[in-house]
Amino acid sequence: MASAPLAVSLGDPAGIGPEIVVKAWRALRQTGPAFVVVGDAGVLAAAAAEVDIRLVAGAAEAAEVFGRALPILNMPNSAAAHSAEATIGWIETAARLALSGEAGGLVTAPIAKAPLYAAGFNFPGHTEFLGQIAPAADPAARGPIMMLTAADLRVALVTIHEPLSRVPGLLSERAIVNAGLVTARALERDFGVDHPRLAVCGLNPHAGEAGALGDEEGAIIAPAVRALQALGVEAAGPYPADSLFHAEARTRYDAVLCMYHDQALIPVKMLDFWGGVNVTLGLPIVRTSPDHGVAYDIAGSGKARPDSMIAAIRLASDIARRRAA
């Protein structure tokens, strides 16, 4: 598995995915990690031409071996629904290559949710879709759990793409314990952390201030922390989120368990806006992705930075190597 190339799904062909994939290929072609692209060969070749990258002979054609050609190529800067079926197919094909062992892991370029929803895609995003394709093998700690990494910070989420108004109702002791177990086990298996330390965020300002600003901490989160401790996880909290992410605080834990999307993603993007990586925990396959979206506003302009895609490819390779050891 460590020697197999990674599979990179091309993402929304109207976004910056094709551009950052070919730029990542240029950056990594001498040193690796090796990867194959699952997507449309014409889209890939067009993206390379736009940024003056000459693909090696046969590279664009090789991408089509594991891809589906689009009947009509997208123009950049548009969320065209006609490409949605192909985009979904690329993700599924790449995931199944990882499941079979033909690929060492999966790296997904960005997708836009609106055109996929219009085409009948019934999942909030990549994470949930991959959870159906590659369900977790461990019933006691079930993925998928989303983690974001940037520099020396790792954050895992209990709820992901949910309206903020729904988050309190979705929190439960069971969900928090599951996310904590998946995160702790992934830190050991995938990141080489021998004795993982989890810091658990509160939900409310000042972590509820003893119930004065909300009771979720006392009723749900603190019992979940105690349950994690009883299961052998070194967990602590709930802590106020506003004092948990500065440099000194980051020395006291290996990952933070966050209750909702922006609580986790704002500190990651403040710390390393260009180089953050999204990692899906608790799956039988390795999966990473850039921590940004399709950026239709700059698609086709040659301005997209590949830093996050390069970091995602390197991290997927590192995790695959640890799993194979």
C-alpha atoms as a PDB file:
ATOM      1  CA  MET A   1       0.000   0.000   0.000  1.00  0.00           C
ATOM      2  CA  ALA A   2       2.861   2.401   0.772  1.00  0.00           C
ATOM      3  CA  SER A   3       4.302   1.922  -2.715  1.00  0.00           C
ATOM      4  CA  ALA A   4       0.999   2.331  -4.570  1.00  0.00           C
ATOM      5  CA  PRO A   5       0.373   5.788  -6.039  1.00  0.00           C
ATOM      6  CA  LEU A   6      -2.286   7.973  -4.519  1.00  0.00           C
ATOM      7  CA  ALA A   7      -5.531   8.560  -6.417  1.00  0.00           C
ATOM      8  CA  VAL A   8      -6.442  12.239  -6.861  1.00  0.00           C
ATOM      9  CA  SER A   9     -10.022  13.003  -7.883  1.00  0.00           C
ATOM     10  CA  LEU A  10     -10.169  16.070 -10.111  1.00  0.00           C
ATOM     11  CA  GLY A  11     -13.042  17.798  -8.313  1.00  0.00           C
ATOM     12  CA  ASP A  12     -15.323  20.351  -9.955  1.00  0.00           C
ATOM     13  CA  PRO A  13     -13.864  20.908 -13.426  1.00  0.00           C
ATOM     14  CA  ALA A  14     -15.190  24.490 -13.460  1.00  0.00           C
ATOM     15  CA  GLY A  15     -13.253  25.378 -10.309  1.00  0.00           C
ATOM     16  CA  ILE A  16      -9.559  25.552  -9.481  1.00  0.00           C
ATOM     17  CA  GLY A  17      -9.199  21.810  -8.896  1.00  0.00           C
ATOM     18  CA  PRO A  18      -7.654  20.993 -12.283  1.00  0.00           C
ATOM     19  CA  GLU A  19      -5.220  23.909 -11.967  1.00  0.00           C
ATOM     20  CA  ILE A  20      -3.976  23.007  -8.503  1.00  0.00           C
ATOM     21  CA  VAL A  21      -3.671  19.345  -9.504  1.00  0.00           C
ATOM     22  CA  VAL A  22      -1.362  20.114 -12.417  1.00  0.00           C
ATOM     23  CA  LYS A  23       0.588  22.607 -10.308  1.00  0.00           C
ATOM     24  CA  ALA A  24       0.992  19.948  -7.620  1.00  0.00           C
ATOM     25  CA  TRP A  25       2.221  17.529 -10.297  1.00  0.00           C
ATOM     26  CA  ARG A  26       4.824  20.077 -11.366  1.00  0.00           C
ATOM     27  CA  ALA A  27       5.976  20.564  -7.764  1.00  0.00           C
ATOM     28  CA  LEU A  28       6.135  16.838  -6.941  1.00  0.00           C
ATOM     29  CA  ARG A  29       7.064  15.144 -10.206  1.00  0.00           C
ATOM     30  CA  GLN A  30      10.744  14.818  -9.269  1.00  0.00           C
ATOM     31  CA  THR A  31      10.402  13.915  -5.592  1.00  0.00           C
ATOM     32  CA  GLY A  32       6.943  12.377  -5.232  1.00  0.00           C
ATOM     33  CA  PRO A  33       4.655  11.290  -3.740  1.00  0.00           C
ATOM     34  CA  ALA A  34       3.371   9.676  -6.914  1.00  0.00           C
ATOM     35  CA  PHE A  35      -0.288  10.049  -7.814  1.00  0.00           C
ATOM     36  CA  VAL A  36      -2.716   9.283 -10.606  1.00  0.00           C
ATOM     37  CA  VAL A  37      -5.555  11.604 -11.533  1.00  0.00           C
ATOM     38  CA  VAL A  38      -9.125  10.355 -11.716  1.00  0.00           C
ATOM     39  CA  GLY A  39     -10.913  12.777 -13.989  1.00  0.00           C
ATOM     40  CA  ASP A  40     -11.272  14.063 -17.510  1.00  0.00           C
ATOM     41  CA  ALA A  41      -8.082  14.059 -19.574  1.00  0.00           C
ATOM     42  CA  GLY A  42      -9.152  17.036 -21.659  1.00  0.00           C
ATOM     43  CA  VAL A  43      -9.892  19.170 -18.611  1.00  0.00           C
ATOM     44  CA  LEU A  44      -6.531  18.256 -17.119  1.00  0.00           C
ATOM     45  CA  ALA A  45      -4.637  19.070 -20.316  1.00  0.00           C
ATOM     46  CA  ALA A  46      -6.486  22.387 -20.705  1.00  0.00           C
ATOM     47  CA  ALA A  47      -5.626  23.380 -17.133  1.00  0.00           C
ATOM     48  CA  ALA A  48      -1.968  22.550 -17.779  1.00  0.00           C
ATOM     49  CA  ALA A  49      -1.931  24.660 -20.918  1.00  0.00           C
ATOM     50  CA  GLU A  50      -3.502  27.621 -19.105  1.00  0.00           C
ATOM     51  CA  VAL A  51      -0.612  27.786 -16.640  1.00  0.00           C
ATOM     52  CA  ASP A  52       2.077  26.888 -19.186  1.00  0.00           C
ATOM     53  CA  ILE A  53       2.776  23.411 -17.816  1.00  0.00           C
ATOM     54  CA  ARG A  54       3.782  20.790 -20.352  1.00  0.00           C
ATOM     55  CA  LEU A  55       2.546  17.393 -19.267  1.00  0.00           C
ATOM     56  CA  VAL A  56       4.860  14.470 -19.929  1.00  0.00           C
ATOM     57  CA  ALA A  57       3.928  12.380 -22.943  1.00  0.00           C
ATOM     58  CA  GLY A  58       0.836  10.336 -22.223  1.00  0.00           C
ATOM     59  CA  ALA A  59       0.086  11.954 -18.846  1.00  0.00           C
ATOM     60  CA  ALA A  60      -3.257  13.421 -19.913  1.00  0.00           C
ATOM     61  CA  GLU A  61      -4.290  10.186 -21.629  1.00  0.00           C
ATOM     62  CA  ALA A  62      -3.333   8.158 -18.546  1.00  0.00           C
ATOM     63  CA  ALA A  63      -5.731  10.217 -16.451  1.00  0.00           C
ATOM     64  CA  GLU A  64      -8.600   9.091 -18.662  1.00  0.00           C
ATOM     65  CA  VAL A  65      -7.977   5.431 -17.855  1.00  0.00           C
ATOM     66  CA  PHE A  66      -9.630   5.987 -14.488  1.00  0.00           C
ATOM     67  CA  GLY A  67     -11.921   8.794 -15.586  1.00  0.00           C
ATOM     68  CA  ARG A  68     -15.148   9.728 -17.272  1.00  0.00           C
ATOM     69  CA  ALA A  69     -14.963  12.163 -20.156  1.00  0.00           C
ATOM     70  CA  LEU A  70     -17.335  15.112 -19.961  1.00  0.00           C
ATOM     71  CA  PRO A  71     -19.727  15.453 -22.886  1.00  0.00           C
ATOM     72  CA  ILE A  72     -19.327  19.239 -22.797  1.00  0.00           C
ATOM     73  CA  LEU A  73     -16.292  20.827 -21.161  1.00  0.00           C
ATOM     74  CA  ASN A  74     -17.090  23.394 -18.478  1.00  0.00           C
ATOM     75  CA  MET A  75     -16.063  26.976 -18.909  1.00  0.00           C
ATOM     76  CA  PRO A  76     -14.229  28.255 -15.816  1.00  0.00           C
ATOM     77  CA  ASN A  77     -16.137  30.444 -13.342  1.00  0.00           C
ATOM     78  CA  SER A  78     -19.438  28.589 -13.717  1.00  0.00           C
ATOM     79  CA  ALA A  79     -21.074  25.936 -11.536  1.00  0.00           C
ATOM     80  CA  ALA A  80     -22.431  23.783 -14.349  1.00  0.00           C
ATOM     81  CA  ALA A  81     -24.696  20.969 -13.205  1.00  0.00           C
ATOM     82  CA  HIS A  82     -23.930  18.888 -16.297  1.00  0.00           C
ATOM     83  CA  SER A  83     -20.518  17.964 -14.850  1.00  0.00           C
ATOM     84  CA  ALA A  84     -21.921  16.845 -11.492  1.00  0.00           C
ATOM     85  CA  GLU A  85     -22.444  13.195 -12.437  1.00  0.00           C
ATOM     86  CA  ALA A  86     -18.883  12.912 -13.694  1.00  0.00           C
ATOM     87  CA  THR A  87     -17.510  14.664 -10.597  1.00  0.00           C
ATOM     88  CA  ILE A  88     -19.325  12.220  -8.317  1.00  0.00           C
ATOM     89  CA  GLY A  89     -18.110   9.315 -10.424  1.00  0.00           C
ATOM     90  CA  TRP A  90     -14.503  10.463 -10.154  1.00  0.00           C
ATOM     91  CA  ILE A  91     -14.731  10.557  -6.360  1.00  0.00           C
ATOM     92  CA  GLU A  92     -16.291   7.100  -6.179  1.00  0.00           C
ATOM     93  CA  THR A  93     -13.803   5.589  -8.638  1.00  0.00           C
ATOM     94  CA  ALA A  94     -10.839   7.031  -6.760  1.00  0.00           C
ATOM     95  CA  ALA A  95     -12.222   5.830  -3.425  1.00  0.00           C
ATOM     96  CA  ARG A  96     -12.692   2.311  -4.751  1.00  0.00           C
ATOM     97  CA  LEU A  97      -9.129   2.292  -6.087  1.00  0.00           C
ATOM     98  CA  ALA A  98      -8.001   3.061  -2.536  1.00  0.00           C
ATOM     99  CA  LEU A  99     -10.305   0.388  -1.099  1.00  0.00           C
ATOM    100  CA  SER A 100      -8.902  -2.237  -3.456  1.00  0.00           C
ATOM    101  CA  GLY A 101      -5.306  -1.300  -2.672  1.00  0.00           C
ATOM    102  CA  GLU A 102      -4.586  -0.205  -6.240  1.00  0.00           C
ATOM    103  CA  ALA A 103      -4.121   3.286  -4.806  1.00  0.00           C
ATOM    104  CA  GLY A 104      -2.356   4.023  -1.540  1.00  0.00           C
ATOM    105  CA  GLY A 105      -4.948   6.611  -0.558  1.00  0.00           C
ATOM    106  CA  LEU A 106      -7.384   9.215  -1.824  1.00  0.00           C
ATOM    107  CA  VAL A 107      -6.870  12.963  -2.246  1.00  0.00           C
ATOM    108  CA  THR A 108      -9.916  14.933  -3.372  1.00  0.00           C
ATOM    109  CA  ALA A 109      -9.824  18.257  -5.189  1.00  0.00           C
ATOM    110  CA  PRO A 110     -12.567  20.730  -4.220  1.00  0.00           C
ATOM    111  CA  ILE A 111     -16.211  20.307  -5.159  1.00  0.00           C
ATOM    112  CA  ALA A 112     -19.103  22.769  -5.127  1.00  0.00           C
ATOM    113  CA  LYS A 113     -22.135  21.444  -3.330  1.00  0.00           C
ATOM    114  CA  ALA A 114     -24.920  23.338  -5.139  1.00  0.00           C
ATOM    115  CA  PRO A 115     -24.478  21.689  -8.590  1.00  0.00           C
ATOM    116  CA  LEU A 116     -24.099  18.274  -6.946  1.00  0.00           C
ATOM    117  CA  TYR A 117     -27.289  18.767  -4.943  1.00  0.00           C
ATOM    118  CA  ALA A 118     -29.077  19.793  -8.146  1.00  0.00           C
ATOM    119  CA  ALA A 119     -27.965  16.503  -9.700  1.00  0.00           C
ATOM    120  CA  GLY A 120     -29.378  14.479  -6.793  1.00  0.00           C
ATOM    121  CA  PHE A 121     -26.305  14.166  -4.570  1.00  0.00           C
ATOM    122  CA  ASN A 122     -27.754  13.442  -1.129  1.00  0.00           C
ATOM    123  CA  PHE A 123     -24.726  14.015   1.087  1.00  0.00           C
ATOM    124  CA  PRO A 124     -23.556  17.220   2.811  1.00  0.00           C
ATOM    125  CA  GLY A 125     -20.084  16.777   1.314  1.00  0.00           C
ATOM    126  CA  HIS A 126     -17.138  14.494   0.564  1.00  0.00           C
ATOM    127  CA  THR A 127     -16.820  13.274   4.156  1.00  0.00           C
ATOM    128  CA  GLU A 128     -20.303  11.834   4.446  1.00  0.00           C
ATOM    129  CA  PHE A 129     -20.247  10.379   0.908  1.00  0.00           C
ATOM    130  CA  LEU A 130     -17.001   8.545   1.609  1.00  0.00           C
ATOM    131  CA  GLY A 131     -18.473   7.221   4.839  1.00  0.00           C
ATOM    132  CA  GLN A 132     -21.003   5.306   2.744  1.00  0.00           C
ATOM    133  CA  ILE A 133     -18.510   4.076   0.131  1.00  0.00           C
ATOM    134  CA  ALA A 134     -15.931   3.002   2.708  1.00  0.00           C
ATOM    135  CA  PRO A 135     -17.719   2.427   6.041  1.00  0.00           C
ATOM    136  CA  ALA A 136     -15.704   2.182   9.225  1.00  0.00           C
ATOM    137  CA  ALA A 137     -14.798  -1.318  10.335  1.00  0.00           C
ATOM    138  CA  ASP A 138     -14.850  -0.561  14.071  1.00  0.00           C
ATOM    139  CA  PRO A 139     -18.424  -0.337  15.429  1.00  0.00           C
ATOM    140  CA  ALA A 140     -17.160   1.143  18.692  1.00  0.00           C
ATOM    141  CA  ALA A 141     -15.627   4.202  17.030  1.00  0.00           C
ATOM    142  CA  ARG A 142     -17.255   5.009  13.745  1.00  0.00           C
ATOM    143  CA  GLY A 143     -16.077   7.520  11.202  1.00  0.00           C
ATOM    144  CA  PRO A 144     -16.129   9.551   9.238  1.00  0.00           C
ATOM    145  CA  ILE A 145     -14.823  12.352  11.433  1.00  0.00           C
ATOM    146  CA  MET A 146     -13.429  15.505   9.840  1.00  0.00           C
ATOM    147  CA  MET A 147     -10.049  16.760  11.027  1.00  0.00           C
ATOM    148  CA  LEU A 148      -8.216  19.860   9.838  1.00  0.00           C
ATOM    149  CA  THR A 149      -4.458  20.222  10.263  1.00  0.00           C
ATOM    150  CA  ALA A 150      -2.274  23.306   9.942  1.00  0.00           C
ATOM    151  CA  ALA A 151       1.268  23.737  11.247  1.00  0.00           C
ATOM    152  CA  ASP A 152       1.150  22.421  14.853  1.00  0.00           C
ATOM    153  CA  LEU A 153      -2.646  22.454  15.184  1.00  0.00           C
ATOM    154  CA  ARG A 154      -5.111  19.598  14.638  1.00  0.00           C
ATOM    155  CA  VAL A 155      -8.836  20.093  15.126  1.00  0.00           C
ATOM    156  CA  ALA A 156     -11.571  17.444  14.843  1.00  0.00           C
ATOM    157  CA  LEU A 157     -15.290  18.199  14.513  1.00  0.00           C
ATOM    158  CA  VAL A 158     -18.304  16.711  16.248  1.00  0.00           C
ATOM    159  CA  THR A 159     -20.735  18.387  13.823  1.00  0.00           C
ATOM    160  CA  ILE A 160     -19.628  19.428  10.343  1.00  0.00           C
ATOM    161  CA  HIS A 161     -21.716  21.202   7.688  1.00  0.00           C
ATOM    162  CA  GLU A 162     -24.684  22.127   9.823  1.00  0.00           C
ATOM    163  CA  PRO A 163     -26.490  25.439  10.286  1.00  0.00           C
ATOM    164  CA  LEU A 164     -25.423  26.960  13.569  1.00  0.00           C
ATOM    165  CA  SER A 165     -29.032  26.937  14.774  1.00  0.00           C
ATOM    166  CA  ARG A 166     -29.056  23.124  14.594  1.00  0.00           C
ATOM    167  CA  VAL A 167     -25.763  22.443  16.363  1.00  0.00           C
ATOM    168  CA  PRO A 168     -27.014  22.387  20.013  1.00  0.00           C
ATOM    169  CA  GLY A 169     -29.688  19.835  19.139  1.00  0.00           C
ATOM    170  CA  LEU A 170     -27.189  17.609  17.342  1.00  0.00           C
ATOM    171  CA  LEU A 171     -24.733  17.417  20.220  1.00  0.00           C
ATOM    172  CA  SER A 172     -24.936  14.348  22.406  1.00  0.00           C
ATOM    173  CA  GLU A 173     -22.644  12.557  24.811  1.00  0.00           C
ATOM    174  CA  ARG A 174     -22.512   9.621  22.425  1.00  0.00           C
ATOM    175  CA  ALA A 175     -21.516  11.754  19.415  1.00  0.00           C
ATOM    176  CA  ILE A 176     -18.775  13.533  21.362  1.00  0.00           C
ATOM    177  CA  VAL A 177     -17.391  10.281  22.772  1.00  0.00           C
ATOM    178  CA  ASN A 178     -17.382   8.696  19.315  1.00  0.00           C
ATOM    179  CA  ALA A 179     -15.562  11.665  17.781  1.00  0.00           C
ATOM    180  CA  GLY A 180     -13.044  11.612  20.615  1.00  0.00           C
ATOM    181  CA  LEU A 181     -12.361   7.881  20.267  1.00  0.00           C
ATOM    182  CA  VAL A 182     -11.957   8.102  16.483  1.00  0.00           C
ATOM    183  CA  THR A 183      -9.633  11.081  16.861  1.00  0.00           C
ATOM    184  CA  ALA A 184      -7.480   9.478  19.550  1.00  0.00           C
ATOM    185  CA  ARG A 185      -7.102   6.245  17.586  1.00  0.00           C
ATOM    186  CA  ALA A 186      -6.243   8.152  14.406  1.00  0.00           C
ATOM    187  CA  LEU A 187      -3.610  10.189  16.235  1.00  0.00           C
ATOM    188  CA  GLU A 188      -1.932   6.933  17.232  1.00  0.00           C
ATOM    189  CA  ARG A 189      -2.334   5.064  13.951  1.00  0.00           C
ATOM    190  CA  ASP A 190      -2.039   7.810  11.358  1.00  0.00           C
ATOM    191  CA  PHE A 191       0.033  10.518  13.044  1.00  0.00           C
ATOM    192  CA  GLY A 192       2.364   8.468  15.237  1.00  0.00           C
ATOM    193  CA  VAL A 193       1.285  10.053  18.545  1.00  0.00           C
ATOM    194  CA  ASP A 194       1.925   7.487  21.282  1.00  0.00           C
ATOM    195  CA  HIS A 195      -0.262   8.965  24.021  1.00  0.00           C
ATOM    196  CA  PRO A 196      -2.767  11.344  22.427  1.00  0.00           C
ATOM    197  CA  ARG A 197      -4.020  14.295  24.469  1.00  0.00           C
ATOM    198  CA  LEU A 198      -7.405  15.744  23.533  1.00  0.00           C
ATOM    199  CA  ALA A 199      -8.653  19.177  24.519  1.00  0.00           C
ATOM    200  CA  VAL A 200     -12.432  19.436  24.250  1.00  0.00           C
ATOM    201  CA  CYS A 201     -14.090  22.750  23.384  1.00  0.00           C
ATOM    202  CA  GLY A 202     -17.194  24.053  24.994  1.00  0.00           C
ATOM    203  CA  LEU A 203     -20.095  25.233  22.882  1.00  0.00           C
ATOM    204  CA  ASN A 204     -21.030  28.509  24.527  1.00  0.00           C
ATOM    205  CA  PRO A 205     -19.035  31.651  25.330  1.00  0.00           C
ATOM    206  CA  HIS A 206     -16.718  31.045  28.304  1.00  0.00           C
ATOM    207  CA  ALA A 207     -17.665  27.341  28.070  1.00  0.00           C
ATOM    208  CA  GLY A 208     -21.079  28.219  29.493  1.00  0.00           C
ATOM    209  CA  GLU A 209     -19.684  29.980  32.598  1.00  0.00           C
ATOM    210  CA  ALA A 210     -21.087  27.397  35.010  1.00  0.00           C
ATOM    211  CA  GLY A 211     -24.474  27.423  33.315  1.00  0.00           C
ATOM    212  CA  ALA A 212     -24.920  31.185  33.184  1.00  0.00           C
ATOM    213  CA  LEU A 213     -24.350  31.280  29.412  1.00  0.00           C
ATOM    214  CA  GLY A 214     -25.683  27.859  28.451  1.00  0.00           C
ATOM    215  CA  ASP A 215     -26.023  24.378  29.919  1.00  0.00           C
ATOM    216  CA  GLU A 216     -24.632  22.150  27.142  1.00  0.00           C
ATOM    217  CA  GLU A 217     -21.242  22.032  28.830  1.00  0.00           C
ATOM    218  CA  GLY A 218     -22.576  20.656  32.100  1.00  0.00           C
ATOM    219  CA  ALA A 219     -25.306  18.462  30.642  1.00  0.00           C
ATOM    220  CA  ILE A 220     -23.534  16.974  27.604  1.00  0.00           C
ATOM    221  CA  ILE A 221     -19.896  17.908  27.058  1.00  0.00           C
ATOM    222  CA  ALA A 222     -18.438  17.390  30.540  1.00  0.00           C
ATOM    223  CA  PRO A 223     -20.070  13.933  30.887  1.00  0.00           C
ATOM    224  CA  ALA A 224     -18.621  13.030  27.480  1.00  0.00           C
ATOM    225  CA  VAL A 225     -15.151  14.068  28.634  1.00  0.00           C
ATOM    226  CA  ARG A 226     -15.512  11.863  31.720  1.00  0.00           C
ATOM    227  CA  ALA A 227     -16.690   8.963  29.541  1.00  0.00           C
ATOM    228  CA  LEU A 228     -13.654   9.356  27.279  1.00  0.00           C
ATOM    229  CA  GLN A 229     -11.388   9.337  30.333  1.00  0.00           C
ATOM    230  CA  ALA A 230     -13.064   6.155  31.556  1.00  0.00           C
ATOM    231  CA  LEU A 231     -12.300   4.596  28.160  1.00  0.00           C
ATOM    232  CA  GLY A 232      -8.610   5.411  28.552  1.00  0.00           C
ATOM    233  CA  VAL A 233      -8.464   8.582  26.449  1.00  0.00           C
ATOM    234  CA  GLU A 234      -6.481  11.474  27.905  1.00  0.00           C
ATOM    235  CA  ALA A 235      -9.199  14.084  27.406  1.00  0.00           C
ATOM    236  CA  ALA A 236      -9.789  17.353  29.241  1.00  0.00           C
ATOM    237  CA  GLY A 237     -12.345  20.134  29.113  1.00  0.00           C
ATOM    238  CA  PRO A 238     -14.704  21.600  28.200  1.00  0.00           C
ATOM    239  CA  TYR A 239     -12.565  24.688  27.598  1.00  0.00           C
ATOM    240  CA  PRO A 240     -13.572  28.131  26.296  1.00  0.00           C
ATOM    241  CA  ALA A 241     -12.705  28.212  22.600  1.00  0.00           C
ATOM    242  CA  ASP A 242     -11.375  31.772  22.755  1.00  0.00           C
ATOM    243  CA  SER A 243      -8.404  30.755  24.941  1.00  0.00           C
ATOM    244  CA  LEU A 244      -7.583  27.366  23.423  1.00  0.00           C
ATOM    245  CA  PHE A 245      -5.690  28.099  20.217  1.00  0.00           C
ATOM    246  CA  HIS A 246      -2.815  30.453  21.047  1.00  0.00           C
ATOM    247  CA  ALA A 247       0.771  29.212  20.835  1.00  0.00           C
ATOM    248  CA  GLU A 248       1.220  28.295  24.511  1.00  0.00           C
ATOM    249  CA  ALA A 249      -2.128  26.473  24.664  1.00  0.00           C
ATOM    250  CA  ARG A 250      -1.197  24.389  21.614  1.00  0.00           C
ATOM    251  CA  THR A 251       1.690  22.819  23.531  1.00  0.00           C
ATOM    252  CA  ARG A 252      -0.755  21.181  25.957  1.00  0.00           C
ATOM    253  CA  TYR A 253      -2.675  18.915  23.555  1.00  0.00           C
ATOM    254  CA  ASP A 254      -2.327  16.913  20.352  1.00  0.00           C
ATOM    255  CA  ALA A 255      -5.762  17.742  18.957  1.00  0.00           C
ATOM    256  CA  VAL A 256      -8.811  19.799  19.835  1.00  0.00           C
ATOM    257  CA  LEU A 257     -12.312  18.360  19.628  1.00  0.00           C
ATOM    258  CA  CYS A 258     -14.569  21.165  18.382  1.00  0.00           C
ATOM    259  CA  MET A 259     -18.340  21.287  18.492  1.00  0.00           C
ATOM    260  CA  TYR A 260     -19.037  23.003  15.159  1.00  0.00           C
ATOM    261  CA  HIS A 261     -17.526  24.018  11.826  1.00  0.00           C
ATOM    262  CA  ASP A 262     -16.271  27.577  12.314  1.00  0.00           C
ATOM    263  CA  GLN A 263     -15.016  26.896  15.843  1.00  0.00           C
ATOM    264  CA  ALA A 264     -12.497  24.551  14.221  1.00  0.00           C
ATOM    265  CA  LEU A 265     -11.794  26.127  10.835  1.00  0.00           C
ATOM    266  CA  ILE A 266     -11.210  29.740  11.880  1.00  0.00           C
ATOM    267  CA  PRO A 267      -8.112  28.981  13.996  1.00  0.00           C
ATOM    268  CA  VAL A 268      -6.753  26.600  11.349  1.00  0.00           C
ATOM    269  CA  LYS A 269      -7.067  29.183   8.593  1.00  0.00           C
ATOM    270  CA  MET A 270      -5.704  31.968  10.771  1.00  0.00           C
ATOM    271  CA  LEU A 271      -2.661  29.844  11.578  1.00  0.00           C
ATOM    272  CA  ASP A 272      -1.921  28.647   8.020  1.00  0.00           C
ATOM    273  CA  PHE A 273      -4.431  29.870   5.467  1.00  0.00           C
ATOM    274  CA  TRP A 274      -2.620  28.434   2.449  1.00  0.00           C
ATOM    275  CA  GLY A 275      -1.309  25.153   3.811  1.00  0.00           C
ATOM    276  CA  GLY A 276      -4.137  23.585   5.804  1.00  0.00           C
ATOM    277  CA  VAL A 277      -5.311  20.039   5.064  1.00  0.00           C
ATOM    278  CA  ASN A 278      -8.624  18.267   5.602  1.00  0.00           C
ATOM    279  CA  VAL A 279      -8.231  14.648   6.789  1.00  0.00           C
ATOM    280  CA  THR A 280     -11.069  12.143   7.107  1.00  0.00           C
ATOM    281  CA  LEU A 281     -10.628   9.969  10.189  1.00  0.00           C
ATOM    282  CA  GLY A 282     -12.138   6.590  10.965  1.00  0.00           C
ATOM    283  CA  LEU A 283     -12.250   5.153   7.437  1.00  0.00           C
ATOM    284  CA  PRO A 284     -10.507   2.024   6.126  1.00  0.00           C
ATOM    285  CA  ILE A 285      -8.893   4.212   3.436  1.00  0.00           C
ATOM    286  CA  VAL A 286      -6.632   7.242   3.666  1.00  0.00           C
ATOM    287  CA  ARG A 287      -8.344  10.438   2.550  1.00  0.00           C
ATOM    288  CA  THR A 288      -7.123  14.031   2.550  1.00  0.00           C
ATOM    289  CA  SER A 289      -8.051  17.179   0.666  1.00  0.00           C
ATOM    290  CA  PRO A 290      -7.182  20.859   0.461  1.00  0.00           C
ATOM    291  CA  ASP A 291      -8.999  22.925   3.077  1.00  0.00           C
ATOM    292  CA  HIS A 292     -10.479  25.363   0.547  1.00  0.00           C
ATOM    293  CA  GLY A 293     -13.259  25.433  -2.001  1.00  0.00           C
ATOM    294  CA  VAL A 294     -13.605  25.652  -5.775  1.00  0.00           C
ATOM    295  CA  ALA A 295     -12.858  29.417  -6.001  1.00  0.00           C
ATOM    296  CA  TYR A 296     -14.892  30.034  -9.150  1.00  0.00           C
ATOM    297  CA  ASP A 297     -13.872  33.699  -9.018  1.00  0.00           C
ATOM    298  CA  ILE A 298     -10.274  32.886  -9.990  1.00  0.00           C
ATOM    299  CA  ALA A 299     -10.754  29.638 -11.933  1.00  0.00           C
ATOM    300  CA  GLY A 300      -9.010  29.751 -15.284  1.00  0.00           C
ATOM    301  CA  SER A 301      -6.901  32.768 -14.319  1.00  0.00           C
ATOM    302  CA  GLY A 302      -3.750  30.870 -13.340  1.00  0.00           C
ATOM    303  CA  LYS A 303      -3.797  32.528  -9.897  1.00  0.00           C
ATOM    304  CA  ALA A 304      -4.717  29.507  -7.751  1.00  0.00           C
ATOM    305  CA  ARG A 305      -2.097  28.488  -5.192  1.00  0.00           C
ATOM    306  CA  PRO A 306      -1.467  24.730  -4.906  1.00  0.00           C
ATOM    307  CA  ASP A 307       0.016  24.818  -1.381  1.00  0.00           C
ATOM    308  CA  SER A 308      -2.904  23.064   0.304  1.00  0.00           C
ATOM    309  CA  MET A 309      -3.168  20.421  -2.425  1.00  0.00           C
ATOM    310  CA  ILE A 310       0.559  19.698  -2.183  1.00  0.00           C
ATOM    311  CA  ALA A 311       0.295  19.445   1.605  1.00  0.00           C
ATOM    312  CA  ALA A 312      -2.722  17.119   1.264  1.00  0.00           C
ATOM    313  CA  ILE A 313      -0.843  14.806  -1.112  1.00  0.00           C
ATOM    314  CA  ARG A 314       2.186  14.681   1.177  1.00  0.00           C
ATOM    315  CA  LEU A 315       0.085  14.026   4.279  1.00  0.00           C
ATOM    316  CA  ALA A 316      -1.882  11.243   2.539  1.00  0.00           C
ATOM    317  CA  SER A 317       1.409   9.601   1.593  1.00  0.00           C
ATOM    318  CA  ASP A 318       2.733   9.902   5.156  1.00  0.00           C
ATOM    319  CA  ILE A 319      -0.429   8.329   6.611  1.00  0.00           C
ATOM    320  CA  ALA A 320      -0.412   5.507   4.034  1.00  0.00           C
ATOM    321  CA  ARG A 321       3.205   4.772   4.907  1.00  0.00           C
ATOM    322  CA  ARG A 322       2.420   4.582   8.635  1.00  0.00           C
ATOM    323  CA  ARG A 323      -0.552   2.285   8.035  1.00  0.00           C
ATOM    324  CA  ALA A 324       1.587  -0.038   5.924  1.00  0.00           C
ATOM    325  CA  ALA A 325       4.424  -0.211   8.465  1.00  0.00           C
END
